Amino acid sequence: MSAQPLETMNVMALVAAATAAPSLHNAQPWRFRHHPADATLEVRADFERAMPHTDPDNRALYLGCGAALFNLRVAAADSGLHTGTRLLPDPADRELLAVVQLDDSERPDRELATLFPGIARRHTSRHPFQEKPVPAAVQDALCDAALREGAQLAFPEAWHVESLLEHVRDVEGRDSLHPEGREDIERWTRTGAESAGTAVDGIPEDAFGPRKQRGRAPVRDFAGRRAVPGRPAAVFETVPHLALLGTRNDHPADWLRAGQALERVLLLATLDGLATSLTSHALEQADLRELARDPRSAMGFVHMVLRLGYGPAGTGTPRRPVHDVLEID
């Protein structure tokens, strides 16, 4: 247990770092509760921000909360705190996803602390990347980062990349036939006056990136058929560099581990000078999710497709104020 109670400002700084994590459509489906008496922080799901069409089983919600949990651990290490984490500690409390014990009497994880600068720098980039390979040594380091959090990262072969891109095109076709599937996107897209510095969540139009003129990068177009004044068009890469993140099993605890692994990979990639983008488009329907995995791989379930490369850093998206997501007992 922490030798001294944590100051409120310290706790707020930890939560601010946690909320910088990525989440599906930047819905930020998390809440936090601090218990000063035993120096713990709870990570809780905010199911009011769930997406019934895009994420019916709440897999992506758990991934986002897992990423926030990892940022919290990194920020705590940077502040000199050791952390111990329990996932899903109370089956009777569906919203309670993790409890983090904060301890200043033990040495912090210095390796985690080195990732802290990446929290502020990491943004999803919806811009074209260079036709330049990611070095093997960097790929190996990213795979190791995922393993450290109990997940797997794999860089698919050319045939598998082609298959994944076909799946994305398939989903885009299904979207056009089932417009109700865009309800979640429209709920979390901020355009016009709504995006002019007032939004605290969702995807503002200045983060849409350019409209794809040509290329095959799997980048979701949040504008859809809506015109965005002044939005440019661009040619994206022909052969995108993709990676698959997954786990052997497919339970909520695995989703939380995958979310932590995802953020560890993203922070390390950012510090290595890579631009990063995420797509779950081909994973949002059960039949295509099964097709996303390599049948020769030990990865049982794919949870996220990452697009990595060298290109412009992404645009930051708004975040909810800490006082809106943090409760202190």
Protein backbone atom coordinates (compact mmCIF):
# COMPACT_ATOMS: atom_id res chain seq x y z
CA MET A 1 0.00 0.00 0.00
CA SER A 2 1.18 3.53 -0.73
CA ALA A 3 3.17 5.04 2.13
CA GLN A 4 1.46 8.40 1.61
CA PRO A 5 -2.02 9.19 0.26
CA LEU A 6 -1.88 10.41 -3.33
CA GLU A 7 -2.65 14.07 -3.85
CA THR A 8 -5.77 14.76 -5.88
CA MET A 9 -3.74 16.56 -8.52
CA ASN A 10 -1.52 13.48 -8.95
CA VAL A 11 -4.55 11.27 -9.43
CA MET A 12 -6.02 13.71 -11.93
CA ALA A 13 -2.76 13.66 -13.90
CA LEU A 14 -2.83 9.86 -14.04
CA VAL A 15 -6.42 9.87 -15.29
CA ALA A 16 -5.65 12.58 -17.85
CA ALA A 17 -2.93 10.33 -19.28
CA ALA A 18 -5.29 7.36 -19.26
CA THR A 19 -7.93 9.25 -21.24
CA ALA A 20 -5.45 9.99 -24.04
CA ALA A 21 -5.88 6.37 -25.14
CA PRO A 22 -7.57 5.51 -28.44
CA SER A 23 -11.12 4.18 -28.52
CA LEU A 24 -13.56 3.26 -31.24
CA HIS A 25 -14.79 6.53 -32.83
CA ASN A 26 -13.17 8.31 -29.87
CA ALA A 27 -16.22 7.49 -27.75
CA GLN A 28 -14.03 7.28 -24.60
CA PRO A 29 -16.14 4.56 -22.92
CA TRP A 30 -14.46 4.72 -19.54
CA ARG A 31 -14.80 6.09 -16.04
CA PHE A 32 -12.42 6.03 -13.08
CA ARG A 33 -12.89 5.84 -9.33
CA HIS A 34 -10.16 6.63 -6.82
CA HIS A 35 -10.13 5.19 -3.30
CA PRO A 36 -7.62 7.26 -1.28
CA ALA A 37 -7.86 4.99 1.75
CA ASP A 38 -6.24 2.05 -0.04
CA ALA A 39 -4.51 3.95 -2.88
CA THR A 40 -6.39 2.25 -5.69
CA LEU A 41 -7.83 3.44 -8.97
CA GLU A 42 -10.69 1.59 -10.62
CA VAL A 43 -11.11 1.51 -14.38
CA ARG A 44 -14.81 1.23 -15.14
CA ALA A 45 -16.81 0.78 -18.34
CA ASP A 46 -19.24 3.49 -19.41
CA PHE A 47 -21.82 1.41 -21.24
CA GLU A 48 -23.81 4.51 -22.18
CA ARG A 49 -21.05 5.01 -24.75
CA ALA A 50 -21.36 1.53 -26.21
CA MET A 51 -22.13 1.05 -29.91
CA PRO A 52 -24.91 -1.49 -30.52
CA HIS A 53 -24.46 -1.65 -34.29
CA THR A 54 -20.68 -1.49 -34.62
CA ASP A 55 -19.70 -3.25 -31.41
CA PRO A 56 -22.60 -5.43 -30.22
CA ASP A 57 -20.50 -7.61 -27.90
CA ASN A 58 -18.57 -4.61 -26.44
CA ARG A 59 -15.24 -6.05 -27.60
CA ALA A 60 -14.01 -2.65 -28.84
CA LEU A 61 -15.22 -1.01 -25.63
CA TYR A 62 -13.02 -3.37 -23.63
CA LEU A 63 -10.08 -2.75 -25.98
CA GLY A 64 -10.37 1.00 -25.46
CA CYS A 65 -10.59 0.64 -21.69
CA GLY A 66 -7.59 -1.69 -21.78
CA ALA A 67 -5.61 0.95 -23.67
CA ALA A 68 -6.62 3.54 -21.06
CA LEU A 69 -5.52 1.13 -18.32
CA PHE A 70 -2.12 0.78 -19.96
CA ASN A 71 -1.67 4.56 -20.18
CA LEU A 72 -2.53 4.79 -16.50
CA ARG A 73 0.19 2.24 -15.69
CA VAL A 74 2.71 4.16 -17.82
CA ALA A 75 1.87 7.49 -16.21
CA ALA A 76 2.11 5.95 -12.74
CA ALA A 77 5.55 4.52 -13.54
CA ASP A 78 6.66 7.92 -14.83
CA SER A 79 5.49 9.42 -11.51
CA GLY A 80 7.58 6.93 -9.53
CA LEU A 81 4.73 4.61 -8.60
CA HIS A 82 4.67 0.83 -8.77
CA THR A 83 1.38 -0.63 -9.99
CA GLY A 84 -0.35 -3.93 -9.47
CA THR A 85 -3.38 -4.68 -11.63
CA ARG A 86 -6.35 -7.01 -11.18
CA LEU A 87 -8.61 -7.55 -14.16
CA LEU A 88 -12.36 -8.12 -13.70
CA PRO A 89 -12.03 -8.55 -9.93
CA ASP A 90 -15.76 -8.61 -9.12
CA PRO A 91 -18.07 -10.71 -11.34
CA ALA A 92 -21.06 -9.05 -9.71
CA ASP A 93 -19.96 -5.58 -10.86
CA ARG A 94 -20.16 -5.58 -14.65
CA GLU A 95 -18.78 -2.07 -14.97
CA LEU A 96 -15.62 -2.75 -12.94
CA LEU A 97 -12.95 -3.77 -15.45
CA ALA A 98 -9.76 -3.36 -13.44
CA VAL A 99 -8.36 -2.23 -10.10
CA VAL A 100 -4.91 -0.66 -10.06
CA GLN A 101 -2.96 -0.59 -6.81
CA LEU A 102 -0.64 2.43 -6.62
CA ASP A 103 2.43 1.98 -4.46
CA ASP A 104 5.25 4.46 -3.83
CA SER A 105 7.19 2.09 -1.54
CA GLU A 106 8.35 -0.16 -4.39
CA ARG A 107 10.40 0.64 -7.45
CA PRO A 108 8.37 1.62 -10.53
CA ASP A 109 8.66 -0.17 -13.86
CA ARG A 110 11.26 1.99 -15.61
CA GLU A 111 10.60 0.34 -18.96
CA LEU A 112 7.00 1.47 -18.78
CA ALA A 113 8.11 4.96 -17.77
CA THR A 114 10.18 5.32 -20.96
CA LEU A 115 6.95 5.11 -22.97
CA PHE A 116 5.38 8.11 -21.23
CA PRO A 117 6.39 10.75 -23.85
CA GLY A 118 4.55 8.72 -26.45
CA ILE A 119 1.18 9.28 -24.75
CA ALA A 120 0.99 12.94 -25.80
CA ARG A 121 2.49 12.26 -29.24
CA ARG A 122 0.34 9.29 -30.27
CA HIS A 123 -2.54 10.17 -32.57
CA THR A 124 -4.36 8.15 -35.21
CA SER A 125 -3.12 9.25 -38.63
CA ARG A 126 -5.63 9.13 -41.49
CA HIS A 127 -3.07 10.44 -43.96
CA PRO A 128 -1.08 8.65 -46.69
CA PHE A 129 2.10 6.90 -45.62
CA GLN A 130 5.28 6.50 -47.62
CA GLU A 131 5.85 3.35 -49.68
CA LYS A 132 8.67 2.47 -47.31
CA PRO A 133 8.98 -0.78 -45.35
CA VAL A 134 9.07 -0.95 -41.58
CA PRO A 135 12.49 -2.39 -40.61
CA ALA A 136 12.55 -5.97 -39.33
CA ALA A 137 14.14 -4.89 -36.05
CA VAL A 138 11.28 -2.46 -35.41
CA GLN A 139 8.72 -5.13 -36.25
CA ASP A 140 10.40 -7.54 -33.81
CA ALA A 141 10.35 -4.93 -31.03
CA LEU A 142 6.64 -4.27 -31.60
CA CYS A 143 5.86 -7.99 -31.52
CA ASP A 144 7.76 -8.29 -28.25
CA ALA A 145 5.79 -5.36 -26.81
CA ALA A 146 2.51 -7.17 -27.50
CA LEU A 147 3.80 -10.38 -25.93
CA ARG A 148 4.68 -8.53 -22.74
CA GLU A 149 0.99 -7.75 -22.29
CA GLY A 150 -0.25 -11.25 -23.04
CA ALA A 151 -1.18 -10.72 -26.69
CA GLN A 152 0.31 -11.35 -30.11
CA LEU A 153 1.24 -9.04 -32.97
CA ALA A 154 1.79 -10.50 -36.43
CA PHE A 155 2.85 -8.91 -39.70
CA PRO A 156 0.89 -10.77 -42.38
CA GLU A 157 2.37 -12.00 -45.64
CA ALA A 158 1.40 -10.41 -48.96
CA TRP A 159 -1.43 -12.88 -49.67
CA HIS A 160 -2.94 -12.21 -46.26
CA VAL A 161 -2.75 -8.43 -46.71
CA GLU A 162 -4.65 -8.82 -49.98
CA SER A 163 -7.28 -10.91 -48.19
CA LEU A 164 -7.67 -8.29 -45.44
CA LEU A 165 -8.09 -5.50 -47.98
CA GLU A 166 -10.79 -7.53 -49.72
CA HIS A 167 -12.57 -7.93 -46.39
CA VAL A 168 -12.53 -4.17 -45.87
CA ARG A 169 -14.03 -3.60 -49.33
CA ASP A 170 -16.67 -6.23 -48.50
CA VAL A 171 -17.64 -4.41 -45.31
CA GLU A 172 -17.79 -1.07 -47.12
CA GLY A 173 -20.23 -2.67 -49.57
CA ARG A 174 -22.33 -4.07 -46.74
CA ASP A 175 -22.42 -0.63 -45.11
CA SER A 176 -24.00 0.83 -48.23
CA LEU A 177 -26.72 -1.84 -48.14
CA HIS A 178 -27.38 -1.44 -44.41
CA PRO A 179 -27.40 2.29 -43.62
CA GLU A 180 -28.39 1.61 -40.00
CA GLY A 181 -24.76 0.58 -39.55
CA ARG A 182 -23.77 4.22 -39.93
CA GLU A 183 -25.81 5.29 -36.93
CA ASP A 184 -22.86 4.79 -34.58
CA ILE A 185 -20.55 6.76 -36.88
CA GLU A 186 -23.02 9.62 -37.19
CA ARG A 187 -23.45 9.69 -33.42
CA TRP A 188 -19.71 10.12 -32.89
CA THR A 189 -18.81 12.34 -35.84
CA ARG A 190 -18.43 16.07 -35.20
CA THR A 191 -18.83 18.38 -38.19
CA GLY A 192 -19.36 22.08 -38.73
CA ALA A 193 -19.86 24.19 -35.62
CA GLU A 194 -19.97 21.03 -33.53
CA SER A 195 -16.28 20.42 -34.25
CA ALA A 196 -15.08 23.99 -33.82
CA GLY A 197 -13.39 23.63 -30.46
CA THR A 198 -16.49 22.65 -28.50
CA ALA A 199 -16.52 18.85 -28.84
CA VAL A 200 -15.09 16.76 -26.00
CA ASP A 201 -15.39 13.39 -27.74
CA GLY A 202 -15.96 11.84 -31.14
CA ILE A 203 -14.10 12.50 -34.40
CA PRO A 204 -13.99 16.18 -35.46
CA GLU A 205 -13.77 16.95 -39.16
CA ASP A 206 -10.19 18.22 -38.91
CA ALA A 207 -9.18 14.67 -37.92
CA PHE A 208 -10.89 13.00 -40.91
CA GLY A 209 -7.74 13.25 -43.00
CA PRO A 210 -7.89 13.73 -46.77
CA ARG A 211 -10.43 12.02 -48.99
CA LYS A 212 -8.92 8.98 -50.67
CA GLN A 213 -8.41 9.68 -54.35
CA ARG A 214 -6.53 6.47 -55.04
CA GLY A 215 -4.74 3.81 -53.04
CA ARG A 216 -5.71 0.83 -50.90
CA ALA A 217 -4.97 1.87 -47.35
CA PRO A 218 -7.83 0.71 -45.06
CA VAL A 219 -8.80 4.14 -43.74
CA ARG A 220 -12.42 4.66 -42.68
CA ASP A 221 -13.95 7.78 -44.18
CA PHE A 222 -15.92 9.41 -41.39
CA ALA A 223 -17.34 12.01 -43.76
CA GLY A 224 -19.23 9.36 -45.72
CA ARG A 225 -21.22 11.13 -48.40
CA ARG A 226 -21.24 14.42 -46.53
CA ALA A 227 -19.30 17.28 -48.10
CA VAL A 228 -16.60 18.80 -45.87
CA PRO A 229 -15.63 22.25 -47.18
CA GLY A 230 -11.91 22.60 -47.86
CA ARG A 231 -11.15 18.92 -47.41
CA PRO A 232 -8.37 17.86 -49.80
CA ALA A 233 -7.99 14.59 -51.68
CA ALA A 234 -4.82 12.50 -51.62
CA VAL A 235 -3.27 9.36 -53.06
CA PHE A 236 -2.72 6.71 -50.39
CA GLU A 237 -0.22 3.87 -50.43
CA THR A 238 -0.78 0.96 -52.78
CA VAL A 239 0.70 -1.67 -50.47
CA PRO A 240 -0.16 -0.67 -46.88
CA HIS A 241 1.91 -2.13 -44.07
CA LEU A 242 -0.54 -3.93 -41.80
CA ALA A 243 -0.20 -5.81 -38.52
CA LEU A 244 -2.73 -7.98 -36.69
CA LEU A 245 -3.14 -7.87 -32.94
CA GLY A 246 -4.88 -10.78 -31.24
CA THR A 247 -5.02 -13.33 -28.46
CA ARG A 248 -5.35 -17.10 -28.14
CA ASN A 249 -8.70 -16.86 -26.38
CA ASP A 250 -11.71 -14.59 -26.76
CA HIS A 251 -13.04 -13.54 -23.36
CA PRO A 252 -13.44 -10.08 -21.81
CA ALA A 253 -10.17 -10.46 -19.89
CA ASP A 254 -8.44 -11.23 -23.21
CA TRP A 255 -9.94 -8.09 -24.70
CA LEU A 256 -8.53 -6.03 -21.82
CA ARG A 257 -5.10 -7.61 -22.30
CA ALA A 258 -5.32 -6.94 -26.01
CA GLY A 259 -6.17 -3.29 -25.34
CA GLN A 260 -3.12 -2.92 -23.11
CA ALA A 261 -0.95 -4.65 -25.71
CA LEU A 262 -2.36 -2.42 -28.43
CA GLU A 263 -1.43 0.74 -26.56
CA ARG A 264 2.02 -0.58 -25.70
CA VAL A 265 2.63 -1.26 -29.39
CA LEU A 266 1.27 2.15 -30.42
CA LEU A 267 3.38 4.08 -27.92
CA LEU A 268 6.55 2.23 -28.88
CA ALA A 269 5.80 2.69 -32.59
CA THR A 270 5.23 6.41 -32.03
CA LEU A 271 8.55 6.80 -30.22
CA ASP A 272 10.23 4.89 -33.05
CA GLY A 273 9.02 7.53 -35.51
CA LEU A 274 6.13 5.59 -37.03
CA ALA A 275 2.73 7.00 -37.86
CA THR A 276 -0.08 4.70 -36.76
CA SER A 277 -3.65 4.06 -37.76
CA LEU A 278 -6.22 1.57 -36.54
CA THR A 279 -9.00 -0.20 -38.36
CA SER A 280 -11.56 -2.58 -36.93
CA HIS A 281 -13.78 -2.25 -39.99
CA ALA A 282 -13.16 -5.82 -41.15
CA LEU A 283 -13.60 -7.17 -37.61
CA GLU A 284 -17.00 -5.74 -36.76
CA GLN A 285 -18.91 -8.72 -38.16
CA ALA A 286 -18.35 -12.22 -36.84
CA ASP A 287 -18.00 -13.94 -40.21
CA LEU A 288 -15.31 -11.56 -41.43
CA ARG A 289 -13.51 -11.59 -38.06
CA GLU A 290 -12.95 -15.31 -38.47
CA LEU A 291 -11.56 -14.78 -41.97
CA ALA A 292 -9.11 -12.13 -40.74
CA ARG A 293 -6.85 -14.59 -38.97
CA ASP A 294 -4.09 -16.56 -40.66
CA PRO A 295 -5.12 -20.25 -40.37
CA ARG A 296 -1.46 -21.17 -39.95
CA SER A 297 -1.01 -18.83 -37.01
CA ALA A 298 -1.34 -19.58 -33.30
CA MET A 299 -3.33 -16.36 -32.99
CA GLY A 300 -6.81 -17.59 -32.24
CA PHE A 301 -8.73 -14.30 -32.43
CA VAL A 302 -7.88 -11.03 -34.16
CA HIS A 303 -9.00 -7.89 -32.33
CA MET A 304 -7.41 -5.07 -34.31
CA VAL A 305 -5.73 -4.34 -37.63
CA LEU A 306 -2.95 -1.77 -37.37
CA ARG A 307 -1.62 0.29 -40.27
CA LEU A 308 1.96 1.41 -39.67
CA GLY A 309 4.32 3.50 -41.71
CA TYR A 310 6.22 6.71 -42.21
CA GLY A 311 4.05 9.74 -42.78
CA PRO A 312 2.33 12.71 -41.15
CA ALA A 313 1.42 12.40 -37.50
CA GLY A 314 -2.28 12.29 -36.83
CA THR A 315 -4.40 15.16 -35.60
CA GLY A 316 -5.31 15.15 -31.92
CA THR A 317 -8.94 14.50 -31.05
CA PRO A 318 -10.82 16.07 -28.12
CA ARG A 319 -10.99 14.53 -24.68
CA ARG A 320 -13.57 14.69 -21.93
CA PRO A 321 -12.49 16.78 -18.91
CA VAL A 322 -11.03 14.69 -16.11
CA HIS A 323 -13.68 15.86 -13.66
CA ASP A 324 -16.31 14.31 -15.93
CA VAL A 325 -14.77 10.83 -15.76
CA LEU A 326 -13.13 10.72 -12.30
CA GLU A 327 -14.92 10.03 -9.03
CA ILE A 328 -13.04 10.26 -5.74
CA ASP A 329 -14.43 8.48 -2.67
